[in-house]
Amino acid sequence: MLALAFAGVSAGAAVMAVGFPDRAGIVPVVVAVPTAALAVTVAVTEMRRPPRRAPRARSEPLHNPYLWLAIFTALLYLVGEAASLAIFGAALARFRGGQSWRVIVPVVAVTTVAFFIVTEVALGESLYRGVFLEALS
């Protein structure tokens, strides 16, 4: 069910971004369309699986997907797109995925640099810097 919510939000973001002036909607559309497609794929896959026993409820806060969404939203607002991608990706992989830092650091570095190059260099769009980074500049 959460995947369908992500698909709806992503599709809505893509539709809204198409109406942005000039080329301001390119990056949101580039992010929202694949996100919506992947979320629909996850939802369809989950619906086609045979029912399984429900896992025991976990009371740990790190298992709450809404908490992770809130953390990413706050990071995006405070430190901008590139920094939030790096911080959130590392935190999610470490605390939710249980990956080692030896794996996380290179993957997050490559992902963040690739995102920056595609957005800033190839598309010529500036990334949102966040309120903290804007205040510093």
C-alpha atoms as a PDB file:
ATOM      1  CA  MET A   1       0.000   0.000   0.000  1.00  0.00           C
ATOM      2  CA  LEU A   2       2.890   2.374   0.724  1.00  0.00           C
ATOM      3  CA  ALA A   3       4.197   1.790  -2.810  1.00  0.00           C
ATOM      4  CA  LEU A   4       0.898   3.016  -4.259  1.00  0.00           C
ATOM      5  CA  ALA A   5       1.138   6.151  -2.116  1.00  0.00           C
ATOM      6  CA  PHE A   6       4.652   6.804  -3.460  1.00  0.00           C
ATOM      7  CA  ALA A   7       3.402   6.235  -7.005  1.00  0.00           C
ATOM      8  CA  GLY A   8       0.587   8.730  -6.483  1.00  0.00           C
ATOM      9  CA  VAL A   9       2.831  11.375  -4.960  1.00  0.00           C
ATOM     10  CA  SER A  10       5.440  10.904  -7.692  1.00  0.00           C
ATOM     11  CA  ALA A  11       2.871  11.090 -10.477  1.00  0.00           C
ATOM     12  CA  GLY A  12       1.375  14.207  -8.907  1.00  0.00           C
ATOM     13  CA  ALA A  13       4.819  15.794  -8.653  1.00  0.00           C
ATOM     14  CA  ALA A  14       5.509  15.035 -12.309  1.00  0.00           C
ATOM     15  CA  VAL A  15       2.196  16.552 -13.397  1.00  0.00           C
ATOM     16  CA  MET A  16       2.820  19.677 -11.313  1.00  0.00           C
ATOM     17  CA  ALA A  17       6.410  19.999 -12.573  1.00  0.00           C
ATOM     18  CA  VAL A  18       5.302  19.991 -16.209  1.00  0.00           C
ATOM     19  CA  GLY A  19       3.560  23.293 -15.525  1.00  0.00           C
ATOM     20  CA  PHE A  20       6.682  24.983 -14.109  1.00  0.00           C
ATOM     21  CA  PRO A  21       8.060  27.889 -16.172  1.00  0.00           C
ATOM     22  CA  ASP A  22      10.977  27.463 -18.548  1.00  0.00           C
ATOM     23  CA  ARG A  23      13.077  24.416 -17.693  1.00  0.00           C
ATOM     24  CA  ALA A  24      12.403  24.416 -13.960  1.00  0.00           C
ATOM     25  CA  GLY A  25      10.391  21.195 -14.179  1.00  0.00           C
ATOM     26  CA  ILE A  26      13.033  19.029 -15.850  1.00  0.00           C
ATOM     27  CA  VAL A  27      14.663  17.633 -12.707  1.00  0.00           C
ATOM     28  CA  PRO A  28      11.406  16.908 -10.847  1.00  0.00           C
ATOM     29  CA  VAL A  29      10.054  15.069 -13.896  1.00  0.00           C
ATOM     30  CA  VAL A  30      13.311  13.128 -14.350  1.00  0.00           C
ATOM     31  CA  VAL A  31      13.074  11.994 -10.723  1.00  0.00           C
ATOM     32  CA  ALA A  32       9.289  11.562 -10.435  1.00  0.00           C
ATOM     33  CA  VAL A  33       8.601   9.469 -13.546  1.00  0.00           C
ATOM     34  CA  PRO A  34      11.051   6.616 -12.741  1.00  0.00           C
ATOM     35  CA  THR A  35      10.026   6.758  -9.071  1.00  0.00           C
ATOM     36  CA  ALA A  36       6.368   6.361  -9.993  1.00  0.00           C
ATOM     37  CA  ALA A  37       7.178   3.515 -12.401  1.00  0.00           C
ATOM     38  CA  LEU A  38       9.262   1.686  -9.795  1.00  0.00           C
ATOM     39  CA  ALA A  39       6.607   2.194  -7.118  1.00  0.00           C
ATOM     40  CA  VAL A  40       3.918   0.742  -9.409  1.00  0.00           C
ATOM     41  CA  THR A  41       6.224  -2.196 -10.164  1.00  0.00           C
ATOM     42  CA  VAL A  42       6.716  -2.836  -6.444  1.00  0.00           C
ATOM     43  CA  ALA A  43       2.955  -2.575  -5.803  1.00  0.00           C
ATOM     44  CA  VAL A  44       2.099  -5.005  -8.625  1.00  0.00           C
ATOM     45  CA  THR A  45       4.780  -7.449  -7.468  1.00  0.00           C
ATOM     46  CA  GLU A  46       3.477  -7.339  -3.914  1.00  0.00           C
ATOM     47  CA  MET A  47      -0.116  -7.872  -5.072  1.00  0.00           C
ATOM     48  CA  ARG A  48       0.819 -10.899  -7.188  1.00  0.00           C
ATOM     49  CA  ARG A  49       2.703 -12.640  -4.369  1.00  0.00           C
ATOM     50  CA  PRO A  50       0.847 -15.274  -2.405  1.00  0.00           C
ATOM     51  CA  PRO A  51      -0.235 -14.098   1.036  1.00  0.00           C
ATOM     52  CA  ARG A  52       2.310 -14.714   3.740  1.00  0.00           C
ATOM     53  CA  ARG A  53       2.209 -14.637   7.477  1.00  0.00           C
ATOM     54  CA  ALA A  54       2.409 -11.155   8.833  1.00  0.00           C
ATOM     55  CA  PRO A  55       5.713 -10.458  10.552  1.00  0.00           C
ATOM     56  CA  ARG A  56       5.716  -9.532  14.182  1.00  0.00           C
ATOM     57  CA  ALA A  57       5.253  -5.828  14.665  1.00  0.00           C
ATOM     58  CA  ARG A  58       8.475  -3.984  15.326  1.00  0.00           C
ATOM     59  CA  SER A  59       8.306  -1.153  17.755  1.00  0.00           C
ATOM     60  CA  GLU A  60      11.724   0.230  16.858  1.00  0.00           C
ATOM     61  CA  PRO A  61      11.453   3.714  15.329  1.00  0.00           C
ATOM     62  CA  LEU A  62      13.945   2.890  12.551  1.00  0.00           C
ATOM     63  CA  HIS A  63      11.412   0.482  11.040  1.00  0.00           C
ATOM     64  CA  ASN A  64       8.811   3.208  10.490  1.00  0.00           C
ATOM     65  CA  PRO A  65       8.786   4.228   6.789  1.00  0.00           C
ATOM     66  CA  TYR A  66       6.988   7.474   7.595  1.00  0.00           C
ATOM     67  CA  LEU A  67       9.822   8.467   9.912  1.00  0.00           C
ATOM     68  CA  TRP A  68      12.312   7.906   7.070  1.00  0.00           C
ATOM     69  CA  LEU A  69      10.142  10.009   4.737  1.00  0.00           C
ATOM     70  CA  ALA A  70      10.010  12.792   7.331  1.00  0.00           C
ATOM     71  CA  ILE A  71      13.791  12.639   7.808  1.00  0.00           C
ATOM     72  CA  PHE A  72      14.407  12.902   4.061  1.00  0.00           C
ATOM     73  CA  THR A  73      11.959  15.796   3.730  1.00  0.00           C
ATOM     74  CA  ALA A  74      13.647  17.676   6.584  1.00  0.00           C
ATOM     75  CA  LEU A  75      17.107  17.030   5.148  1.00  0.00           C
ATOM     76  CA  LEU A  76      16.007  18.188   1.703  1.00  0.00           C
ATOM     77  CA  TYR A  77      14.681  21.439   3.135  1.00  0.00           C
ATOM     78  CA  LEU A  78      17.646  22.089   5.425  1.00  0.00           C
ATOM     79  CA  VAL A  79      20.712  21.042   3.414  1.00  0.00           C
ATOM     80  CA  GLY A  80      19.471  20.771  -0.168  1.00  0.00           C
ATOM     81  CA  GLU A  81      19.287  18.043  -2.766  1.00  0.00           C
ATOM     82  CA  ALA A  82      22.849  16.785  -3.136  1.00  0.00           C
ATOM     83  CA  ALA A  83      23.703  16.776   0.569  1.00  0.00           C
ATOM     84  CA  SER A  84      20.364  15.212   1.541  1.00  0.00           C
ATOM     85  CA  LEU A  85      20.850  12.455  -1.044  1.00  0.00           C
ATOM     86  CA  ALA A  86      24.252  11.615   0.450  1.00  0.00           C
ATOM     87  CA  ILE A  87      23.227  11.837   4.119  1.00  0.00           C
ATOM     88  CA  PHE A  88      19.912  10.040   3.688  1.00  0.00           C
ATOM     89  CA  GLY A  89      21.365   7.331   1.444  1.00  0.00           C
ATOM     90  CA  ALA A  90      24.128   6.614   3.939  1.00  0.00           C
ATOM     91  CA  ALA A  91      21.774   6.597   6.930  1.00  0.00           C
ATOM     92  CA  LEU A  92      19.227   4.373   5.202  1.00  0.00           C
ATOM     93  CA  ALA A  93      21.841   1.877   4.023  1.00  0.00           C
ATOM     94  CA  ARG A  94      23.540   1.764   7.431  1.00  0.00           C
ATOM     95  CA  PHE A  95      20.653   1.753   9.886  1.00  0.00           C
ATOM     96  CA  ARG A  96      17.882   0.160   7.844  1.00  0.00           C
ATOM     97  CA  GLY A  97      19.937  -1.987   5.483  1.00  0.00           C
ATOM     98  CA  GLY A  98      22.710  -2.978   7.864  1.00  0.00           C
ATOM     99  CA  GLN A  99      25.452  -2.361   5.280  1.00  0.00           C
ATOM    100  CA  SER A 100      29.027  -1.668   6.292  1.00  0.00           C
ATOM    101  CA  TRP A 101      30.565   1.766   5.904  1.00  0.00           C
ATOM    102  CA  ARG A 102      33.111   0.248   3.510  1.00  0.00           C
ATOM    103  CA  VAL A 103      30.278  -0.394   1.063  1.00  0.00           C
ATOM    104  CA  ILE A 104      28.197   2.685   1.854  1.00  0.00           C
ATOM    105  CA  VAL A 105      30.794   5.432   1.389  1.00  0.00           C
ATOM    106  CA  PRO A 106      31.802   4.640  -2.224  1.00  0.00           C
ATOM    107  CA  VAL A 107      28.214   3.951  -3.323  1.00  0.00           C
ATOM    108  CA  VAL A 108      26.904   7.172  -1.787  1.00  0.00           C
ATOM    109  CA  ALA A 109      29.820   9.166  -3.200  1.00  0.00           C
ATOM    110  CA  VAL A 110      29.333   7.852  -6.734  1.00  0.00           C
ATOM    111  CA  THR A 111      25.555   8.288  -6.572  1.00  0.00           C
ATOM    112  CA  THR A 112      25.784  11.864  -5.303  1.00  0.00           C
ATOM    113  CA  VAL A 113      28.448  12.879  -7.825  1.00  0.00           C
ATOM    114  CA  ALA A 114      26.480  11.276 -10.678  1.00  0.00           C
ATOM    115  CA  PHE A 115      23.306  13.084  -9.589  1.00  0.00           C
ATOM    116  CA  PHE A 116      25.200  16.377  -9.405  1.00  0.00           C
ATOM    117  CA  ILE A 117      26.825  15.907 -12.831  1.00  0.00           C
ATOM    118  CA  VAL A 118      23.578  14.941 -14.549  1.00  0.00           C
ATOM    119  CA  THR A 119      21.638  17.797 -13.005  1.00  0.00           C
ATOM    120  CA  GLU A 120      24.138  20.664 -12.889  1.00  0.00           C
ATOM    121  CA  VAL A 121      26.357  19.869 -15.870  1.00  0.00           C
ATOM    122  CA  ALA A 122      24.309  17.863 -18.370  1.00  0.00           C
ATOM    123  CA  LEU A 123      20.937  19.529 -17.771  1.00  0.00           C
ATOM    124  CA  GLY A 124      22.330  22.916 -16.753  1.00  0.00           C
ATOM    125  CA  GLU A 125      19.931  23.156 -13.805  1.00  0.00           C
ATOM    126  CA  SER A 126      21.001  24.356 -10.391  1.00  0.00           C
ATOM    127  CA  LEU A 127      20.156  22.165  -7.434  1.00  0.00           C
ATOM    128  CA  TYR A 128      18.267  23.431  -4.412  1.00  0.00           C
ATOM    129  CA  ARG A 129      20.898  24.304  -1.792  1.00  0.00           C
ATOM    130  CA  GLY A 130      18.754  24.212   1.362  1.00  0.00           C
ATOM    131  CA  VAL A 131      18.259  26.912   3.975  1.00  0.00           C
ATOM    132  CA  PHE A 132      21.527  26.194   5.837  1.00  0.00           C
ATOM    133  CA  LEU A 133      23.721  26.182   2.735  1.00  0.00           C
ATOM    134  CA  GLU A 134      21.958  29.259   1.321  1.00  0.00           C
ATOM    135  CA  ALA A 135      22.609  31.101   4.578  1.00  0.00           C
ATOM    136  CA  LEU A 136      26.320  30.259   4.365  1.00  0.00           C
ATOM    137  CA  SER A 137      26.708  31.623   0.834  1.00  0.00           C
END
